[in-house]
Amino acid sequence: WDGQKTTANSAIYELDPSTGSATLRQELPTDGASAWTECTVEGGDYARVFAMASFSGTTTVFGFRLSSGILLREEQIILTPGAASVECFDFVNKSLRTTMLAVSQFFNKSSLSHTAHSQVFRWENNKFQPFQELPTVGGRHANKFV
């Protein structure tokens, strides 16, 4: 947000652990970006994906493909009106690991209120699928307690 518009480039930097310096690796066009999270996933095309919540009404999932020459590529757009933050966590049941993505919903545009359903998604078939909605009021952060 620059006072007039919410579109901007989100910068991805790579940190050199030996020198401590950061080098710009990629810029991604974003609209109302409010939070990023990294998810480690199993199976499919990726080892890691990154999710970006946006006040503009979507959560965008980017796949990490170093071999393609592009660090992050947009892979999925999830409708999450009023998203304020995102958090990845793993759930393990009988040695089966499942990656989950929680999206806190700060505002409900349709009712013009802070009563909104935060959403939880499950990584399945190479993308996040809806899993559960949680009633929240003005949810600002999604945190894991596993």
N, C-alpha and C. Protein backbone atom coordinates (compact mmCIF):
# COMPACT_ATOMS: atom_id res chain seq x y z
N TRP A 1 0.85 -1.17 0.00
CA TRP A 1 0.00 0.00 0.00
C TRP A 1 0.89 1.22 0.00
N ASP A 2 0.76 2.03 -0.99
CA ASP A 2 1.57 3.25 -1.08
C ASP A 2 0.72 4.50 -0.86
N GLY A 3 -0.47 4.34 -0.29
CA GLY A 3 -1.36 5.47 -0.09
C GLY A 3 -2.38 5.62 -1.19
N GLN A 4 -2.12 4.98 -2.34
CA GLN A 4 -3.05 5.09 -3.47
C GLN A 4 -3.46 3.74 -4.03
N LYS A 5 -2.56 2.79 -4.04
CA LYS A 5 -2.87 1.48 -4.60
C LYS A 5 -2.20 0.37 -3.79
N THR A 6 -2.73 -0.84 -3.94
CA THR A 6 -2.20 -1.97 -3.17
C THR A 6 -1.29 -2.87 -4.00
N THR A 7 -1.12 -2.58 -5.29
CA THR A 7 -0.25 -3.41 -6.12
C THR A 7 1.20 -2.99 -5.93
N ALA A 8 2.04 -3.99 -5.80
CA ALA A 8 3.49 -3.76 -5.64
C ALA A 8 4.20 -5.07 -5.93
N ASN A 9 5.50 -5.00 -6.13
CA ASN A 9 6.30 -6.21 -6.29
C ASN A 9 6.81 -6.65 -4.93
N SER A 10 6.61 -7.93 -4.63
CA SER A 10 7.20 -8.52 -3.43
C SER A 10 8.56 -9.06 -3.83
N ALA A 11 9.56 -8.70 -3.07
CA ALA A 11 10.94 -9.07 -3.40
C ALA A 11 11.35 -10.34 -2.66
N ILE A 12 12.02 -11.24 -3.37
CA ILE A 12 12.56 -12.48 -2.79
C ILE A 12 14.08 -12.33 -2.79
N TYR A 13 14.65 -12.41 -1.60
CA TYR A 13 16.10 -12.29 -1.44
C TYR A 13 16.70 -13.62 -1.03
N GLU A 14 17.95 -13.85 -1.44
CA GLU A 14 18.70 -15.02 -1.01
C GLU A 14 19.80 -14.54 -0.09
N LEU A 15 19.89 -15.13 1.09
CA LEU A 15 20.88 -14.75 2.08
C LEU A 15 22.11 -15.61 1.94
N ASP A 16 23.28 -14.98 1.85
CA ASP A 16 24.56 -15.70 1.82
C ASP A 16 24.99 -15.90 3.27
N PRO A 17 24.98 -17.16 3.75
CA PRO A 17 25.30 -17.40 5.16
C PRO A 17 26.74 -17.05 5.54
N SER A 18 27.65 -17.08 4.59
CA SER A 18 29.05 -16.79 4.93
C SER A 18 29.31 -15.29 5.07
N THR A 19 28.60 -14.46 4.29
CA THR A 19 28.83 -13.02 4.37
C THR A 19 27.70 -12.26 5.07
N GLY A 20 26.54 -12.89 5.14
CA GLY A 20 25.39 -12.23 5.74
C GLY A 20 24.70 -11.25 4.80
N SER A 21 25.16 -11.18 3.56
CA SER A 21 24.54 -10.23 2.62
C SER A 21 23.38 -10.89 1.88
N ALA A 22 22.43 -10.06 1.48
CA ALA A 22 21.25 -10.54 0.76
C ALA A 22 21.33 -10.08 -0.69
N THR A 23 20.93 -10.97 -1.59
CA THR A 23 20.91 -10.68 -3.02
C THR A 23 19.49 -10.86 -3.53
N LEU A 24 18.99 -9.87 -4.26
CA LEU A 24 17.67 -9.96 -4.85
C LEU A 24 17.66 -11.08 -5.88
N ARG A 25 16.73 -12.04 -5.72
CA ARG A 25 16.64 -13.17 -6.65
C ARG A 25 15.43 -13.08 -7.57
N GLN A 26 14.34 -12.50 -7.06
CA GLN A 26 13.12 -12.49 -7.86
C GLN A 26 12.16 -11.45 -7.29
N GLU A 27 11.36 -10.85 -8.17
CA GLU A 27 10.27 -9.99 -7.75
C GLU A 27 8.97 -10.57 -8.30
N LEU A 28 7.96 -10.62 -7.43
CA LEU A 28 6.67 -11.16 -7.81
C LEU A 28 5.62 -10.06 -7.72
N PRO A 29 4.83 -9.86 -8.78
CA PRO A 29 3.76 -8.85 -8.70
C PRO A 29 2.70 -9.33 -7.71
N THR A 30 2.36 -8.48 -6.75
CA THR A 30 1.36 -8.83 -5.74
C THR A 30 0.38 -7.69 -5.59
N ASP A 31 -0.79 -8.01 -5.05
CA ASP A 31 -1.84 -7.01 -4.83
C ASP A 31 -2.34 -7.15 -3.40
N GLY A 32 -1.94 -6.24 -2.53
CA GLY A 32 -2.38 -6.27 -1.14
C GLY A 32 -1.73 -7.36 -0.31
N ALA A 33 -0.51 -7.76 -0.66
CA ALA A 33 0.17 -8.83 0.08
C ALA A 33 0.28 -8.47 1.55
N SER A 34 -0.11 -9.41 2.41
CA SER A 34 -0.07 -9.14 3.85
C SER A 34 0.77 -10.14 4.62
N ALA A 35 1.01 -11.33 4.09
CA ALA A 35 1.79 -12.33 4.83
C ALA A 35 2.25 -13.44 3.89
N TRP A 36 3.40 -14.03 4.22
CA TRP A 36 3.96 -15.16 3.49
C TRP A 36 4.24 -16.30 4.45
N THR A 37 4.19 -17.53 3.96
CA THR A 37 4.61 -18.68 4.74
C THR A 37 5.25 -19.71 3.81
N GLU A 38 6.12 -20.53 4.36
CA GLU A 38 6.77 -21.60 3.60
C GLU A 38 6.21 -22.93 4.07
N CYS A 39 5.91 -23.82 3.11
CA CYS A 39 5.38 -25.14 3.43
C CYS A 39 6.30 -26.19 2.82
N THR A 40 6.62 -27.21 3.59
CA THR A 40 7.35 -28.36 3.06
C THR A 40 6.31 -29.42 2.74
N VAL A 41 6.28 -29.85 1.49
CA VAL A 41 5.24 -30.79 1.05
C VAL A 41 5.89 -32.07 0.54
N GLU A 42 5.12 -33.15 0.57
CA GLU A 42 5.61 -34.45 0.08
C GLU A 42 4.82 -34.86 -1.15
N GLY A 43 5.50 -35.51 -2.07
CA GLY A 43 4.85 -35.99 -3.27
C GLY A 43 4.63 -34.88 -4.27
N GLY A 44 4.41 -35.24 -5.48
CA GLY A 44 4.12 -34.25 -6.50
C GLY A 44 5.37 -33.59 -7.04
N ASP A 45 5.19 -32.39 -7.56
CA ASP A 45 6.25 -31.69 -8.28
C ASP A 45 7.17 -30.85 -7.41
N TYR A 46 6.82 -30.64 -6.15
CA TYR A 46 7.55 -29.67 -5.34
C TYR A 46 8.10 -30.31 -4.07
N ALA A 47 9.17 -29.70 -3.58
CA ALA A 47 9.65 -30.01 -2.24
C ALA A 47 9.11 -28.97 -1.28
N ARG A 48 8.93 -27.75 -1.80
CA ARG A 48 8.42 -26.65 -0.98
C ARG A 48 7.47 -25.81 -1.81
N VAL A 49 6.49 -25.23 -1.14
CA VAL A 49 5.64 -24.23 -1.75
C VAL A 49 5.56 -23.05 -0.79
N PHE A 50 5.21 -21.90 -1.31
CA PHE A 50 5.07 -20.70 -0.51
C PHE A 50 3.67 -20.16 -0.74
N ALA A 51 3.03 -19.72 0.33
CA ALA A 51 1.69 -19.16 0.21
C ALA A 51 1.74 -17.71 0.65
N MET A 52 1.03 -16.86 -0.09
CA MET A 52 0.99 -15.43 0.19
C MET A 52 -0.47 -15.01 0.34
N ALA A 53 -0.81 -14.48 1.52
CA ALA A 53 -2.16 -13.97 1.77
C ALA A 53 -2.23 -12.53 1.29
N SER A 54 -3.43 -12.14 0.87
CA SER A 54 -3.61 -10.80 0.33
C SER A 54 -4.94 -10.23 0.79
N PHE A 55 -4.92 -8.96 1.20
CA PHE A 55 -6.16 -8.28 1.55
C PHE A 55 -7.06 -8.11 0.34
N SER A 56 -6.53 -8.33 -0.86
CA SER A 56 -7.34 -8.16 -2.07
C SER A 56 -8.31 -9.32 -2.29
N GLY A 57 -8.21 -10.38 -1.51
CA GLY A 57 -9.21 -11.44 -1.59
C GLY A 57 -8.71 -12.81 -2.03
N THR A 58 -7.41 -12.98 -2.15
CA THR A 58 -6.89 -14.28 -2.57
C THR A 58 -5.66 -14.67 -1.75
N THR A 59 -5.42 -15.97 -1.71
CA THR A 59 -4.15 -16.50 -1.23
C THR A 59 -3.52 -17.20 -2.43
N THR A 60 -2.31 -16.82 -2.75
CA THR A 60 -1.63 -17.38 -3.92
C THR A 60 -0.57 -18.35 -3.45
N VAL A 61 -0.53 -19.53 -4.09
CA VAL A 61 0.46 -20.55 -3.77
C VAL A 61 1.48 -20.56 -4.90
N PHE A 62 2.74 -20.45 -4.53
CA PHE A 62 3.84 -20.46 -5.48
C PHE A 62 4.64 -21.75 -5.29
N GLY A 63 4.99 -22.40 -6.40
CA GLY A 63 5.82 -23.59 -6.34
C GLY A 63 7.28 -23.22 -6.50
N PHE A 64 8.13 -23.94 -5.79
CA PHE A 64 9.57 -23.72 -5.84
C PHE A 64 10.18 -24.73 -6.80
N ARG A 65 10.70 -24.23 -7.93
CA ARG A 65 11.31 -25.09 -8.95
C ARG A 65 12.65 -24.49 -9.36
N LEU A 66 13.70 -24.84 -8.65
CA LEU A 66 15.02 -24.29 -8.94
C LEU A 66 15.49 -24.72 -10.32
N SER A 67 15.15 -25.94 -10.75
CA SER A 67 15.62 -26.44 -12.04
C SER A 67 15.06 -25.67 -13.23
N SER A 68 13.94 -24.98 -13.05
CA SER A 68 13.32 -24.26 -14.17
C SER A 68 13.95 -22.90 -14.40
N GLY A 69 14.84 -22.47 -13.50
CA GLY A 69 15.43 -21.15 -13.62
C GLY A 69 14.57 -20.08 -12.98
N ILE A 70 13.35 -20.43 -12.64
CA ILE A 70 12.45 -19.52 -11.94
C ILE A 70 12.30 -20.06 -10.53
N LEU A 71 12.63 -19.26 -9.55
CA LEU A 71 12.55 -19.74 -8.18
C LEU A 71 11.12 -20.04 -7.77
N LEU A 72 10.23 -19.09 -7.98
CA LEU A 72 8.84 -19.29 -7.59
C LEU A 72 7.94 -19.04 -8.79
N ARG A 73 6.97 -19.92 -8.96
CA ARG A 73 6.02 -19.78 -10.05
C ARG A 73 4.61 -19.94 -9.48
N GLU A 74 3.70 -19.06 -9.87
CA GLU A 74 2.33 -19.13 -9.39
C GLU A 74 1.71 -20.46 -9.81
N GLU A 75 1.18 -21.20 -8.84
CA GLU A 75 0.61 -22.51 -9.12
C GLU A 75 -0.87 -22.62 -8.77
N GLN A 76 -1.33 -21.82 -7.79
CA GLN A 76 -2.72 -21.95 -7.36
C GLN A 76 -3.19 -20.63 -6.76
N ILE A 77 -4.42 -20.26 -7.03
CA ILE A 77 -5.04 -19.09 -6.41
C ILE A 77 -6.26 -19.58 -5.65
N ILE A 78 -6.31 -19.26 -4.36
CA ILE A 78 -7.40 -19.68 -3.49
C ILE A 78 -8.18 -18.43 -3.09
N LEU A 79 -9.49 -18.44 -3.25
CA LEU A 79 -10.31 -17.31 -2.84
C LEU A 79 -10.37 -17.25 -1.32
N THR A 80 -9.82 -16.19 -0.75
CA THR A 80 -9.81 -15.99 0.69
C THR A 80 -10.07 -14.52 0.98
N PRO A 81 -11.32 -14.06 0.80
CA PRO A 81 -11.62 -12.65 1.00
C PRO A 81 -11.31 -12.22 2.43
N GLY A 82 -10.54 -11.16 2.57
CA GLY A 82 -10.20 -10.65 3.89
C GLY A 82 -9.04 -11.37 4.56
N ALA A 83 -8.23 -12.10 3.81
CA ALA A 83 -7.12 -12.84 4.40
C ALA A 83 -6.10 -11.88 5.02
N ALA A 84 -5.67 -12.20 6.23
CA ALA A 84 -4.69 -11.36 6.92
C ALA A 84 -3.36 -12.07 7.09
N SER A 85 -3.38 -13.39 7.33
CA SER A 85 -2.12 -14.12 7.50
C SER A 85 -2.30 -15.58 7.08
N VAL A 86 -1.18 -16.24 6.90
CA VAL A 86 -1.16 -17.66 6.53
C VAL A 86 -0.14 -18.38 7.39
N GLU A 87 -0.39 -19.66 7.64
CA GLU A 87 0.54 -20.47 8.43
C GLU A 87 0.46 -21.91 7.94
N CYS A 88 1.62 -22.50 7.67
CA CYS A 88 1.68 -23.92 7.32
C CYS A 88 2.04 -24.72 8.56
N PHE A 89 1.49 -25.91 8.63
CA PHE A 89 1.88 -26.82 9.71
C PHE A 89 1.65 -28.24 9.23
N ASP A 90 2.31 -29.17 9.88
CA ASP A 90 2.17 -30.58 9.55
C ASP A 90 1.38 -31.29 10.64
N PHE A 91 0.53 -32.19 10.21
CA PHE A 91 -0.25 -33.01 11.11
C PHE A 91 0.17 -34.45 10.83
N VAL A 92 0.57 -35.17 11.88
CA VAL A 92 1.02 -36.56 11.72
C VAL A 92 0.04 -37.48 12.44
N ASN A 93 -0.48 -38.46 11.70
CA ASN A 93 -1.39 -39.44 12.26
C ASN A 93 -0.94 -40.82 11.80
N LYS A 94 -0.49 -41.64 12.74
CA LYS A 94 -0.03 -43.00 12.42
C LYS A 94 1.03 -42.96 11.33
N SER A 95 2.03 -42.13 11.50
CA SER A 95 3.18 -41.94 10.61
C SER A 95 2.81 -41.35 9.24
N LEU A 96 1.56 -40.98 9.03
CA LEU A 96 1.16 -40.31 7.79
C LEU A 96 1.21 -38.80 8.03
N ARG A 97 2.07 -38.12 7.27
CA ARG A 97 2.26 -36.68 7.43
C ARG A 97 1.39 -35.93 6.41
N THR A 98 0.64 -34.95 6.90
CA THR A 98 -0.20 -34.13 6.03
C THR A 98 0.16 -32.67 6.27
N THR A 99 0.38 -31.93 5.18
CA THR A 99 0.67 -30.50 5.29
C THR A 99 -0.64 -29.74 5.21
N MET A 100 -0.81 -28.83 6.15
CA MET A 100 -2.02 -28.02 6.25
C MET A 100 -1.64 -26.55 6.07
N LEU A 101 -2.60 -25.77 5.57
CA LEU A 101 -2.43 -24.32 5.43
C LEU A 101 -3.61 -23.65 6.09
N ALA A 102 -3.34 -22.80 7.09
CA ALA A 102 -4.39 -22.04 7.77
C ALA A 102 -4.34 -20.60 7.28
N VAL A 103 -5.50 -20.04 6.96
CA VAL A 103 -5.61 -18.66 6.49
C VAL A 103 -6.55 -17.92 7.42
N SER A 104 -6.03 -16.93 8.13
CA SER A 104 -6.90 -16.15 9.01
C SER A 104 -7.65 -15.12 8.18
N GLN A 105 -8.93 -14.97 8.48
CA GLN A 105 -9.78 -14.03 7.76
C GLN A 105 -10.08 -12.85 8.69
N PHE A 106 -9.63 -11.68 8.29
CA PHE A 106 -9.79 -10.48 9.11
C PHE A 106 -11.12 -9.78 8.88
N PHE A 107 -11.61 -9.82 7.63
CA PHE A 107 -12.78 -9.02 7.29
C PHE A 107 -13.66 -9.78 6.31
N ASN A 108 -14.96 -9.67 6.47
CA ASN A 108 -15.92 -10.28 5.57
C ASN A 108 -16.50 -9.16 4.69
N LYS A 109 -16.07 -9.11 3.43
CA LYS A 109 -16.51 -8.04 2.53
C LYS A 109 -18.00 -8.07 2.25
N SER A 110 -18.58 -9.27 2.17
CA SER A 110 -19.99 -9.36 1.81
C SER A 110 -20.91 -8.82 2.91
N SER A 111 -20.53 -8.99 4.18
CA SER A 111 -21.37 -8.48 5.27
C SER A 111 -20.81 -7.21 5.89
N LEU A 112 -19.66 -6.74 5.38
CA LEU A 112 -18.98 -5.56 5.91
C LEU A 112 -18.79 -5.64 7.42
N SER A 113 -18.29 -6.81 7.87
CA SER A 113 -18.04 -7.02 9.29
C SER A 113 -16.74 -7.80 9.48
N HIS A 114 -16.32 -7.88 10.72
CA HIS A 114 -15.12 -8.65 11.05
C HIS A 114 -15.45 -10.09 11.42
N THR A 115 -16.71 -10.46 11.32
CA THR A 115 -17.10 -11.85 11.54
C THR A 115 -16.88 -12.60 10.23
N ALA A 116 -15.91 -13.49 10.24
CA ALA A 116 -15.55 -14.20 9.01
C ALA A 116 -15.10 -15.62 9.36
N HIS A 117 -15.12 -16.48 8.38
CA HIS A 117 -14.65 -17.84 8.58
C HIS A 117 -13.20 -17.95 8.12
N SER A 118 -12.30 -18.20 9.07
CA SER A 118 -10.93 -18.51 8.68
C SER A 118 -10.94 -19.91 8.09
N GLN A 119 -9.98 -20.17 7.21
CA GLN A 119 -10.01 -21.42 6.46
C GLN A 119 -8.77 -22.26 6.69
N VAL A 120 -8.97 -23.58 6.66
CA VAL A 120 -7.86 -24.53 6.76
C VAL A 120 -7.92 -25.39 5.50
N PHE A 121 -6.75 -25.56 4.86
CA PHE A 121 -6.63 -26.35 3.64
C PHE A 121 -5.66 -27.49 3.87
N ARG A 122 -5.85 -28.58 3.12
CA ARG A 122 -4.98 -29.75 3.20
C ARG A 122 -4.27 -29.93 1.86
N TRP A 123 -2.95 -30.21 1.89
CA TRP A 123 -2.18 -30.47 0.66
C TRP A 123 -2.56 -31.86 0.16
N GLU A 124 -3.11 -31.90 -1.06
CA GLU A 124 -3.58 -33.15 -1.63
C GLU A 124 -3.58 -33.01 -3.15
N ASN A 125 -3.04 -34.00 -3.84
CA ASN A 125 -2.99 -33.98 -5.31
C ASN A 125 -2.29 -32.74 -5.86
N ASN A 126 -1.18 -32.38 -5.22
CA ASN A 126 -0.32 -31.30 -5.69
C ASN A 126 -0.94 -29.90 -5.57
N LYS A 127 -1.94 -29.74 -4.67
CA LYS A 127 -2.46 -28.41 -4.38
C LYS A 127 -3.20 -28.44 -3.05
N PHE A 128 -3.55 -27.26 -2.55
CA PHE A 128 -4.29 -27.17 -1.31
C PHE A 128 -5.78 -27.29 -1.58
N GLN A 129 -6.42 -28.20 -0.86
CA GLN A 129 -7.85 -28.46 -0.98
C GLN A 129 -8.56 -27.96 0.28
N PRO A 130 -9.79 -27.45 0.19
CA PRO A 130 -10.51 -27.02 1.38
C PRO A 130 -10.65 -28.18 2.37
N PHE A 131 -10.45 -27.88 3.64
CA PHE A 131 -10.54 -28.89 4.69
C PHE A 131 -11.56 -28.50 5.76
N GLN A 132 -11.46 -27.27 6.30
CA GLN A 132 -12.36 -26.86 7.37
C GLN A 132 -12.45 -25.34 7.43
N GLU A 133 -13.61 -24.84 7.82
CA GLU A 133 -13.78 -23.41 8.10
C GLU A 133 -13.95 -23.24 9.60
N LEU A 134 -13.31 -22.20 10.15
CA LEU A 134 -13.36 -21.91 11.57
C LEU A 134 -13.96 -20.53 11.78
N PRO A 135 -15.06 -20.41 12.55
CA PRO A 135 -15.63 -19.09 12.79
C PRO A 135 -14.66 -18.22 13.58
N THR A 136 -14.39 -17.02 13.08
CA THR A 136 -13.49 -16.09 13.75
C THR A 136 -14.06 -14.68 13.65
N VAL A 137 -13.59 -13.83 14.52
CA VAL A 137 -13.96 -12.41 14.49
C VAL A 137 -12.68 -11.61 14.40
N GLY A 138 -12.44 -10.98 13.26
CA GLY A 138 -11.25 -10.15 13.07
C GLY A 138 -9.95 -10.91 13.20
N GLY A 139 -9.89 -12.12 12.65
CA GLY A 139 -8.68 -12.94 12.73
C GLY A 139 -7.49 -12.27 12.06
N ARG A 140 -6.44 -12.03 12.83
CA ARG A 140 -5.25 -11.37 12.27
C ARG A 140 -4.10 -12.33 12.05
N HIS A 141 -4.03 -13.41 12.83
CA HIS A 141 -2.90 -14.34 12.72
C HIS A 141 -3.39 -15.77 12.78
N ALA A 142 -2.77 -16.59 11.99
CA ALA A 142 -3.01 -18.04 12.05
C ALA A 142 -1.75 -18.64 12.67
N ASN A 143 -1.89 -19.34 13.78
CA ASN A 143 -0.75 -19.97 14.44
C ASN A 143 -1.03 -21.44 14.66
N LYS A 144 0.00 -22.24 14.61
CA LYS A 144 -0.17 -23.67 14.81
C LYS A 144 0.09 -24.04 16.26
N PHE A 145 -0.68 -24.98 16.73
CA PHE A 145 -0.48 -25.59 18.04
C PHE A 145 -0.65 -27.08 17.82
N VAL A 146 0.44 -27.75 17.50
CA VAL A 146 0.37 -29.17 17.16
C VAL A 146 1.10 -29.96 18.21
